[in-house]
């Protein structure tokens, strides 16, 4: 299946908490195919279902060539001292702002066979796991910025050609 267009800031699906996936049917399998195809494009570390307009708890990731997905992800561990890391988002193109993230994250969920899986990592993987899970909770990284950076980011958004 082809990659799907990315929804941009202002689309209500991005601010909506995603619904848990129940039965794994052809629709869910197609969603995973679309998520994996969408994350394979250059410069993409993760794509949440909400970013392609689907209000279900699933995301794909692509970190250093490790491509995968997880259904119904739950962050079960965050460790280390939160640090500011430059972060961007496909749904807010062209903006990069320092965002507080934990240096290690562990997420559990299921695969397409309904089997439990775990994805964990540090650095960019930890950042992606936190970022994509935020999407499923209706949060954008802009929501985590300090007041000054959020004000600057929103000004930049309003002046962008895509908003």
N, C-alpha and C. Protein backbone atom coordinates (compact mmCIF):
# COMPACT_ATOMS: atom_id res chain seq x y z
N UNK A 1 0.85 -1.18 0.00
CA UNK A 1 0.00 0.00 0.00
C UNK A 1 0.89 1.24 0.00
N UNK A 2 0.39 2.33 -0.54
CA UNK A 2 1.21 3.53 -0.62
C UNK A 2 1.25 4.29 0.71
N UNK A 3 2.26 5.17 0.81
CA UNK A 3 2.28 6.04 1.98
C UNK A 3 1.08 6.97 1.90
N UNK A 4 0.60 7.39 3.06
CA UNK A 4 -0.57 8.25 3.13
C UNK A 4 -0.13 9.69 3.42
N UNK A 5 -0.91 10.67 2.98
CA UNK A 5 -0.58 12.07 3.27
C UNK A 5 -0.61 12.32 4.78
N UNK A 6 0.28 13.17 5.23
CA UNK A 6 0.39 13.51 6.65
C UNK A 6 -0.55 14.67 6.96
N UNK A 7 -1.35 14.50 8.02
CA UNK A 7 -2.24 15.56 8.48
C UNK A 7 -1.41 16.64 9.17
N UNK A 8 -1.79 17.88 8.98
CA UNK A 8 -1.04 19.01 9.51
C UNK A 8 -1.76 19.66 10.70
N UNK A 9 -0.97 20.35 11.52
CA UNK A 9 -1.50 21.08 12.66
C UNK A 9 -2.73 21.86 12.22
N UNK A 10 -3.78 21.75 13.01
CA UNK A 10 -5.06 22.36 12.68
C UNK A 10 -6.10 21.30 12.37
N UNK A 11 -5.66 20.11 11.97
CA UNK A 11 -6.58 19.00 11.72
C UNK A 11 -7.01 18.44 13.08
N UNK A 12 -8.32 18.37 13.35
CA UNK A 12 -8.80 17.92 14.66
C UNK A 12 -8.33 16.52 15.07
N UNK A 13 -8.05 15.64 14.12
CA UNK A 13 -7.62 14.28 14.47
C UNK A 13 -6.31 14.30 15.27
N UNK A 14 -5.50 15.33 15.06
CA UNK A 14 -4.21 15.42 15.76
C UNK A 14 -4.37 15.78 17.23
N UNK A 15 -5.51 16.34 17.60
CA UNK A 15 -5.75 16.73 18.99
C UNK A 15 -6.75 15.80 19.68
N UNK A 16 -7.03 14.67 19.05
CA UNK A 16 -8.00 13.70 19.58
C UNK A 16 -7.27 12.48 20.11
N UNK A 17 -7.64 12.05 21.32
CA UNK A 17 -7.06 10.82 21.88
C UNK A 17 -7.52 9.64 21.02
N UNK A 18 -6.56 8.83 20.58
CA UNK A 18 -6.86 7.70 19.70
C UNK A 18 -7.50 6.55 20.47
N UNK A 19 -8.36 5.82 19.78
CA UNK A 19 -9.08 4.68 20.36
C UNK A 19 -8.20 3.43 20.34
N UNK A 20 -8.31 2.58 21.37
CA UNK A 20 -7.58 1.31 21.36
C UNK A 20 -8.04 0.43 20.20
N UNK A 21 -7.13 -0.37 19.70
CA UNK A 21 -7.45 -1.33 18.65
C UNK A 21 -7.99 -2.58 19.32
N UNK A 22 -9.15 -3.02 18.88
CA UNK A 22 -9.76 -4.24 19.41
C UNK A 22 -9.39 -5.40 18.51
N UNK A 23 -10.34 -5.77 17.69
CA UNK A 23 -10.13 -6.89 16.76
C UNK A 23 -9.11 -6.51 15.69
N UNK A 24 -8.20 -7.43 15.43
CA UNK A 24 -7.22 -7.22 14.37
C UNK A 24 -7.79 -7.82 13.10
N UNK A 25 -8.30 -6.93 12.25
CA UNK A 25 -8.96 -7.35 11.02
C UNK A 25 -8.21 -6.78 9.81
N UNK A 26 -8.81 -6.91 8.65
CA UNK A 26 -8.17 -6.44 7.41
C UNK A 26 -7.92 -4.93 7.47
N UNK A 27 -8.81 -4.20 8.11
CA UNK A 27 -8.62 -2.74 8.22
C UNK A 27 -7.37 -2.41 9.03
N UNK A 28 -7.18 -3.09 10.14
CA UNK A 28 -6.00 -2.86 10.98
C UNK A 28 -4.73 -3.30 10.24
N UNK A 29 -4.79 -4.42 9.55
CA UNK A 29 -3.63 -4.88 8.78
C UNK A 29 -3.27 -3.87 7.69
N UNK A 30 -4.29 -3.31 7.04
CA UNK A 30 -4.05 -2.28 6.02
C UNK A 30 -3.46 -1.02 6.64
N UNK A 31 -3.93 -0.66 7.83
CA UNK A 31 -3.38 0.50 8.53
C UNK A 31 -1.90 0.30 8.80
N UNK A 32 -1.52 -0.87 9.29
CA UNK A 32 -0.10 -1.15 9.58
C UNK A 32 0.72 -1.08 8.29
N UNK A 33 0.21 -1.65 7.21
CA UNK A 33 0.92 -1.54 5.92
C UNK A 33 1.14 -0.08 5.55
N UNK A 34 0.09 0.74 5.70
CA UNK A 34 0.20 2.16 5.36
C UNK A 34 1.18 2.88 6.28
N UNK A 35 1.15 2.57 7.57
CA UNK A 35 2.08 3.19 8.52
C UNK A 35 3.52 2.85 8.18
N UNK A 36 3.77 1.59 7.88
CA UNK A 36 5.14 1.17 7.56
C UNK A 36 5.59 1.80 6.24
N UNK A 37 4.72 1.81 5.23
CA UNK A 37 5.08 2.45 3.97
C UNK A 37 5.32 3.95 4.16
N UNK A 38 4.53 4.58 5.03
CA UNK A 38 4.65 6.02 5.25
C UNK A 38 5.92 6.39 6.00
N UNK A 39 6.39 5.51 6.89
CA UNK A 39 7.58 5.82 7.69
C UNK A 39 8.89 5.53 6.94
N UNK A 40 8.80 4.80 5.84
CA UNK A 40 10.00 4.44 5.08
C UNK A 40 10.59 5.61 4.29
N UNK A 41 9.82 6.68 4.12
CA UNK A 41 10.32 7.82 3.36
C UNK A 41 11.47 8.48 4.09
N UNK A 42 12.43 9.03 3.37
CA UNK A 42 13.60 9.65 4.01
C UNK A 42 13.21 10.73 5.02
N UNK A 43 13.95 10.77 6.11
CA UNK A 43 13.75 11.80 7.12
C UNK A 43 12.64 11.53 8.11
N UNK A 44 12.09 10.33 8.09
CA UNK A 44 10.98 10.01 8.98
C UNK A 44 11.43 9.01 10.05
N UNK A 45 11.22 9.39 11.32
CA UNK A 45 11.56 8.50 12.43
C UNK A 45 10.33 7.78 12.95
N UNK A 46 9.14 8.33 12.71
CA UNK A 46 7.92 7.70 13.19
C UNK A 46 6.70 8.33 12.55
N UNK A 47 5.63 7.54 12.47
CA UNK A 47 4.34 8.03 11.97
C UNK A 47 3.26 7.39 12.83
N UNK A 48 2.44 8.24 13.45
CA UNK A 48 1.31 7.76 14.25
C UNK A 48 0.08 7.66 13.35
N UNK A 49 -0.82 6.74 13.69
CA UNK A 49 -2.04 6.56 12.90
C UNK A 49 -2.82 7.87 12.76
N UNK A 50 -2.85 8.66 13.82
CA UNK A 50 -3.58 9.93 13.76
C UNK A 50 -2.98 10.86 12.70
N UNK A 51 -1.69 10.76 12.45
CA UNK A 51 -1.06 11.61 11.45
C UNK A 51 -1.49 11.28 10.04
N UNK A 52 -2.05 10.09 9.84
CA UNK A 52 -2.58 9.74 8.53
C UNK A 52 -4.11 9.67 8.58
N UNK A 53 -4.67 10.30 9.62
CA UNK A 53 -6.12 10.47 9.69
C UNK A 53 -6.90 9.31 10.27
N UNK A 54 -6.23 8.40 10.97
CA UNK A 54 -6.91 7.24 11.55
C UNK A 54 -6.83 7.35 13.07
N UNK A 55 -7.98 7.34 13.71
CA UNK A 55 -8.06 7.54 15.15
C UNK A 55 -7.93 6.21 15.91
N UNK A 56 -6.83 5.49 15.66
CA UNK A 56 -6.55 4.23 16.35
C UNK A 56 -5.14 4.27 16.93
N UNK A 57 -4.94 3.52 18.02
CA UNK A 57 -3.66 3.53 18.74
C UNK A 57 -2.65 2.60 18.05
N UNK A 58 -1.90 3.17 17.12
CA UNK A 58 -0.84 2.44 16.42
C UNK A 58 0.15 3.45 15.88
N UNK A 59 1.41 3.04 15.83
CA UNK A 59 2.41 3.86 15.14
C UNK A 59 3.49 2.98 14.57
N UNK A 60 4.21 3.56 13.61
CA UNK A 60 5.38 2.90 13.02
C UNK A 60 6.61 3.72 13.38
N UNK A 61 7.78 3.08 13.27
CA UNK A 61 9.03 3.79 13.54
C UNK A 61 10.08 3.33 12.55
N UNK A 62 11.08 4.21 12.36
CA UNK A 62 12.18 3.93 11.44
C UNK A 62 13.42 4.61 12.04
N UNK A 63 14.14 3.87 12.86
CA UNK A 63 15.31 4.40 13.55
C UNK A 63 16.54 3.63 13.10
N UNK A 64 17.44 4.31 12.43
CA UNK A 64 18.67 3.70 11.94
C UNK A 64 18.41 2.43 11.14
N UNK A 65 17.36 2.48 10.29
CA UNK A 65 17.03 1.34 9.44
C UNK A 65 16.21 0.26 10.12
N UNK A 66 15.95 0.39 11.43
CA UNK A 66 15.09 -0.54 12.16
C UNK A 66 13.66 -0.05 11.99
N UNK A 67 12.89 -0.73 11.15
CA UNK A 67 11.52 -0.33 10.84
C UNK A 67 10.57 -1.30 11.50
N UNK A 68 9.57 -0.76 12.17
CA UNK A 68 8.58 -1.61 12.83
C UNK A 68 7.33 -0.83 13.16
N UNK A 69 6.46 -1.48 13.90
CA UNK A 69 5.18 -0.89 14.30
C UNK A 69 4.80 -1.46 15.65
N UNK A 70 3.83 -0.84 16.29
CA UNK A 70 3.30 -1.36 17.54
C UNK A 70 1.83 -0.93 17.64
N UNK A 71 1.00 -1.86 18.07
CA UNK A 71 -0.42 -1.59 18.27
C UNK A 71 -0.67 -1.39 19.76
N UNK A 72 -1.57 -0.47 20.09
CA UNK A 72 -1.93 -0.18 21.48
C UNK A 72 -0.72 0.04 22.37
N UNK A 73 0.21 0.91 21.95
CA UNK A 73 1.42 1.13 22.75
C UNK A 73 1.11 1.82 24.08
N UNK A 74 1.85 1.39 25.09
CA UNK A 74 1.79 1.99 26.42
C UNK A 74 3.23 2.20 26.87
N UNK A 75 3.55 3.41 27.28
CA UNK A 75 4.89 3.66 27.83
C UNK A 75 4.93 3.04 29.22
N UNK A 76 5.84 2.09 29.41
CA UNK A 76 5.95 1.41 30.70
C UNK A 76 7.20 1.83 31.47
N UNK A 77 8.13 2.50 30.78
CA UNK A 77 9.33 2.96 31.47
C UNK A 77 9.91 4.17 30.75
N UNK A 78 10.22 5.17 31.55
CA UNK A 78 11.00 6.33 31.12
C UNK A 78 12.09 6.47 32.15
N UNK A 79 13.34 6.59 31.72
CA UNK A 79 14.40 6.72 32.71
C UNK A 79 15.48 7.67 32.25
N UNK A 80 16.30 8.05 33.23
CA UNK A 80 17.31 9.06 33.00
C UNK A 80 16.75 10.43 33.32
N UNK A 81 17.60 11.40 33.29
CA UNK A 81 17.19 12.78 33.56
C UNK A 81 16.66 13.38 32.25
N UNK A 82 15.41 13.91 32.25
CA UNK A 82 14.91 14.53 31.01
C UNK A 82 15.89 15.59 30.51
N UNK A 83 16.06 15.61 29.19
CA UNK A 83 16.98 16.57 28.58
C UNK A 83 16.32 17.23 27.39
N UNK A 84 16.79 18.40 27.04
CA UNK A 84 16.28 19.11 25.87
C UNK A 84 16.93 18.53 24.62
N UNK A 85 16.10 18.11 23.68
CA UNK A 85 16.58 17.59 22.39
C UNK A 85 15.83 18.32 21.29
N UNK A 86 16.52 18.61 20.20
CA UNK A 86 15.84 19.24 19.07
C UNK A 86 14.80 18.28 18.53
N UNK A 87 13.59 18.79 18.33
CA UNK A 87 12.52 17.92 17.87
C UNK A 87 11.72 18.64 16.81
N UNK A 88 11.29 17.86 15.83
CA UNK A 88 10.41 18.35 14.78
C UNK A 88 9.26 17.37 14.63
N UNK A 89 8.38 17.65 13.71
CA UNK A 89 7.21 16.79 13.52
C UNK A 89 6.72 16.93 12.09
N UNK A 90 6.36 15.82 11.48
CA UNK A 90 5.84 15.84 10.12
C UNK A 90 4.55 16.65 10.03
N UNK A 91 3.80 16.73 11.13
CA UNK A 91 2.54 17.47 11.15
C UNK A 91 2.74 18.96 11.40
N UNK A 92 3.97 19.36 11.66
CA UNK A 92 4.32 20.77 11.85
C UNK A 92 5.61 21.00 11.04
N UNK A 93 5.51 20.94 9.71
CA UNK A 93 6.71 20.93 8.88
C UNK A 93 7.56 22.19 9.00
N UNK A 94 8.88 21.94 9.03
CA UNK A 94 9.83 23.03 9.00
C UNK A 94 10.21 23.60 10.35
N UNK A 95 9.57 23.19 11.42
CA UNK A 95 9.87 23.73 12.75
C UNK A 95 10.66 22.72 13.55
N UNK A 96 11.65 23.20 14.27
CA UNK A 96 12.45 22.38 15.19
C UNK A 96 12.64 23.19 16.47
N UNK A 97 12.27 22.58 17.60
CA UNK A 97 12.41 23.27 18.88
C UNK A 97 12.90 22.30 19.94
N UNK A 98 13.66 22.83 20.92
CA UNK A 98 14.14 21.98 22.02
C UNK A 98 12.96 21.51 22.88
N UNK A 99 12.88 20.20 23.04
CA UNK A 99 11.76 19.57 23.75
C UNK A 99 12.33 18.64 24.81
N UNK A 100 11.76 18.67 26.01
CA UNK A 100 12.24 17.79 27.08
C UNK A 100 11.77 16.37 26.83
N UNK A 101 12.74 15.46 26.76
CA UNK A 101 12.45 14.03 26.59
C UNK A 101 13.37 13.23 27.49
N UNK A 102 12.88 12.08 27.94
CA UNK A 102 13.72 11.17 28.70
C UNK A 102 14.69 10.47 27.75
N UNK A 103 15.91 10.17 28.20
CA UNK A 103 16.88 9.55 27.30
C UNK A 103 16.64 8.06 27.05
N UNK A 104 15.74 7.43 27.84
CA UNK A 104 15.42 6.02 27.61
C UNK A 104 13.91 5.84 27.74
N UNK A 105 13.34 5.03 26.84
CA UNK A 105 11.90 4.72 26.89
C UNK A 105 11.67 3.27 26.53
N UNK A 106 10.66 2.69 27.17
CA UNK A 106 10.23 1.32 26.87
C UNK A 106 8.71 1.35 26.68
N UNK A 107 8.26 0.76 25.58
CA UNK A 107 6.84 0.74 25.23
C UNK A 107 6.43 -0.72 25.03
N UNK A 108 5.26 -1.09 25.55
CA UNK A 108 4.71 -2.42 25.29
C UNK A 108 3.43 -2.26 24.49
N UNK A 109 3.07 -3.31 23.78
CA UNK A 109 1.85 -3.32 22.98
C UNK A 109 1.70 -4.69 22.36
N UNK A 110 1.08 -4.75 21.19
CA UNK A 110 0.90 -6.03 20.51
C UNK A 110 1.27 -5.90 19.04
N UNK A 111 1.45 -7.06 18.42
CA UNK A 111 1.70 -7.10 16.99
C UNK A 111 0.41 -7.52 16.28
N UNK A 112 0.49 -7.75 14.98
CA UNK A 112 -0.70 -8.09 14.20
C UNK A 112 -1.26 -9.48 14.52
N UNK A 113 -0.49 -10.29 15.22
CA UNK A 113 -0.99 -11.60 15.65
C UNK A 113 -1.58 -11.54 17.05
N UNK A 114 -1.62 -10.33 17.62
CA UNK A 114 -2.14 -10.17 18.96
C UNK A 114 -1.14 -10.55 20.05
N UNK A 115 0.09 -10.81 19.63
CA UNK A 115 1.13 -11.22 20.58
C UNK A 115 1.76 -9.99 21.23
N UNK A 116 2.13 -10.10 22.51
CA UNK A 116 2.77 -8.97 23.18
C UNK A 116 4.14 -8.67 22.57
N UNK A 117 4.45 -7.39 22.42
CA UNK A 117 5.76 -6.98 21.96
C UNK A 117 6.23 -5.80 22.82
N UNK A 118 7.52 -5.58 22.76
CA UNK A 118 8.13 -4.49 23.49
C UNK A 118 9.12 -3.81 22.56
N UNK A 119 9.12 -2.48 22.59
CA UNK A 119 10.09 -1.70 21.84
C UNK A 119 10.74 -0.76 22.86
N UNK A 120 12.06 -0.74 22.87
CA UNK A 120 12.77 0.10 23.84
C UNK A 120 14.02 0.65 23.18
N UNK A 121 14.49 1.75 23.73
CA UNK A 121 15.73 2.29 23.23
C UNK A 121 16.07 3.61 23.87
N UNK A 122 17.25 4.07 23.53
CA UNK A 122 17.72 5.36 24.03
C UNK A 122 17.93 6.28 22.84
N UNK A 123 18.25 7.53 23.13
CA UNK A 123 18.50 8.49 22.08
C UNK A 123 17.29 8.71 21.19
N UNK A 124 17.50 8.63 19.88
CA UNK A 124 16.43 8.90 18.92
C UNK A 124 15.27 7.92 19.07
N UNK A 125 15.55 6.66 19.39
CA UNK A 125 14.46 5.70 19.58
C UNK A 125 13.60 6.11 20.76
N UNK A 126 14.22 6.50 21.88
CA UNK A 126 13.46 6.94 23.05
C UNK A 126 12.61 8.16 22.70
N UNK A 127 13.21 9.09 21.98
CA UNK A 127 12.49 10.29 21.57
C UNK A 127 11.29 9.94 20.69
N UNK A 128 11.49 9.05 19.72
CA UNK A 128 10.41 8.66 18.81
C UNK A 128 9.29 7.96 19.57
N UNK A 129 9.63 7.06 20.49
CA UNK A 129 8.59 6.35 21.24
C UNK A 129 7.73 7.33 22.04
N UNK A 130 8.37 8.32 22.65
CA UNK A 130 7.63 9.32 23.41
C UNK A 130 6.79 10.21 22.49
N UNK A 131 7.39 10.65 21.39
CA UNK A 131 6.73 11.55 20.44
C UNK A 131 5.49 10.88 19.83
N UNK A 132 5.65 9.65 19.37
CA UNK A 132 4.53 8.96 18.70
C UNK A 132 3.43 8.60 19.68
N UNK A 133 3.80 8.22 20.90
CA UNK A 133 2.78 7.93 21.91
C UNK A 133 2.02 9.21 22.26
N UNK A 134 2.73 10.34 22.32
CA UNK A 134 2.05 11.62 22.53
C UNK A 134 0.99 11.85 21.45
N UNK A 135 1.34 11.59 20.19
CA UNK A 135 0.36 11.76 19.11
C UNK A 135 -0.91 10.98 19.40
N UNK A 136 -0.77 9.76 19.87
CA UNK A 136 -1.94 8.91 20.12
C UNK A 136 -2.77 9.43 21.29
N UNK A 137 -2.15 10.26 22.12
CA UNK A 137 -2.87 10.89 23.24
C UNK A 137 -3.39 12.28 22.87
N UNK A 138 -3.26 12.66 21.59
CA UNK A 138 -3.75 13.96 21.14
C UNK A 138 -2.81 15.12 21.45
N UNK A 139 -1.53 14.81 21.67
CA UNK A 139 -0.54 15.85 21.97
C UNK A 139 0.44 16.00 20.82
N UNK A 140 0.83 17.24 20.57
CA UNK A 140 1.92 17.52 19.65
C UNK A 140 3.12 17.97 20.48
N UNK A 141 4.31 17.84 19.93
CA UNK A 141 5.48 18.25 20.70
C UNK A 141 5.41 19.72 21.08
N UNK A 142 4.71 20.52 20.28
CA UNK A 142 4.55 21.94 20.61
C UNK A 142 3.88 22.13 21.97
N UNK A 143 3.02 21.19 22.35
CA UNK A 143 2.34 21.25 23.65
C UNK A 143 3.31 21.09 24.81
N UNK A 144 4.48 20.55 24.56
CA UNK A 144 5.47 20.32 25.62
C UNK A 144 6.53 21.43 25.72
N UNK A 145 6.45 22.41 24.82
CA UNK A 145 7.45 23.48 24.82
C UNK A 145 7.22 24.44 25.98
N UNK A 146 8.32 25.07 26.42
CA UNK A 146 8.17 26.12 27.43
C UNK A 146 7.43 27.30 26.78
N UNK A 147 6.95 28.19 27.62
CA UNK A 147 6.08 29.28 27.15
C UNK A 147 6.73 30.12 26.04
N UNK A 148 7.99 30.47 26.22
CA UNK A 148 8.68 31.32 25.24
C UNK A 148 8.81 30.62 23.89
N UNK A 149 9.26 29.36 23.90
CA UNK A 149 9.42 28.62 22.64
C UNK A 149 8.07 28.31 22.00
N UNK A 150 7.06 28.05 22.82
CA UNK A 150 5.73 27.78 22.26
C UNK A 150 5.20 29.02 21.54
N UNK A 151 5.38 30.17 22.15
CA UNK A 151 4.93 31.42 21.53
C UNK A 151 5.65 31.62 20.19
N UNK A 152 6.96 31.40 20.18
CA UNK A 152 7.74 31.56 18.94
C UNK A 152 7.31 30.55 17.88
N UNK A 153 7.08 29.31 18.32
CA UNK A 153 6.67 28.26 17.38
C UNK A 153 5.31 28.58 16.76
N UNK A 154 4.36 29.03 17.57
CA UNK A 154 3.03 29.33 17.05
C UNK A 154 3.08 30.53 16.09
N UNK A 155 3.95 31.48 16.35
CA UNK A 155 4.12 32.61 15.42
C UNK A 155 4.66 32.08 14.09
N UNK A 156 5.63 31.18 14.18
CA UNK A 156 6.21 30.59 12.98
C UNK A 156 5.16 29.78 12.20
N UNK A 157 4.31 29.06 12.92
CA UNK A 157 3.23 28.30 12.28
C UNK A 157 2.30 29.25 11.54
N UNK A 158 1.85 30.30 12.22
CA UNK A 158 0.91 31.25 11.61
C UNK A 158 1.48 31.90 10.36
N UNK A 159 2.80 32.07 10.32
CA UNK A 159 3.44 32.71 9.18
C UNK A 159 3.83 31.71 8.08
N UNK A 160 3.64 30.44 8.33
CA UNK A 160 4.04 29.42 7.36
C UNK A 160 3.11 29.40 6.16
N UNK A 161 3.57 28.82 5.07
CA UNK A 161 2.74 28.73 3.87
C UNK A 161 1.81 27.52 3.89
N UNK A 162 1.97 26.62 4.86
CA UNK A 162 1.13 25.42 4.91
C UNK A 162 -0.02 25.53 5.88
N UNK A 163 0.01 26.53 6.77
CA UNK A 163 -1.04 26.62 7.79
C UNK A 163 -2.25 27.35 7.27
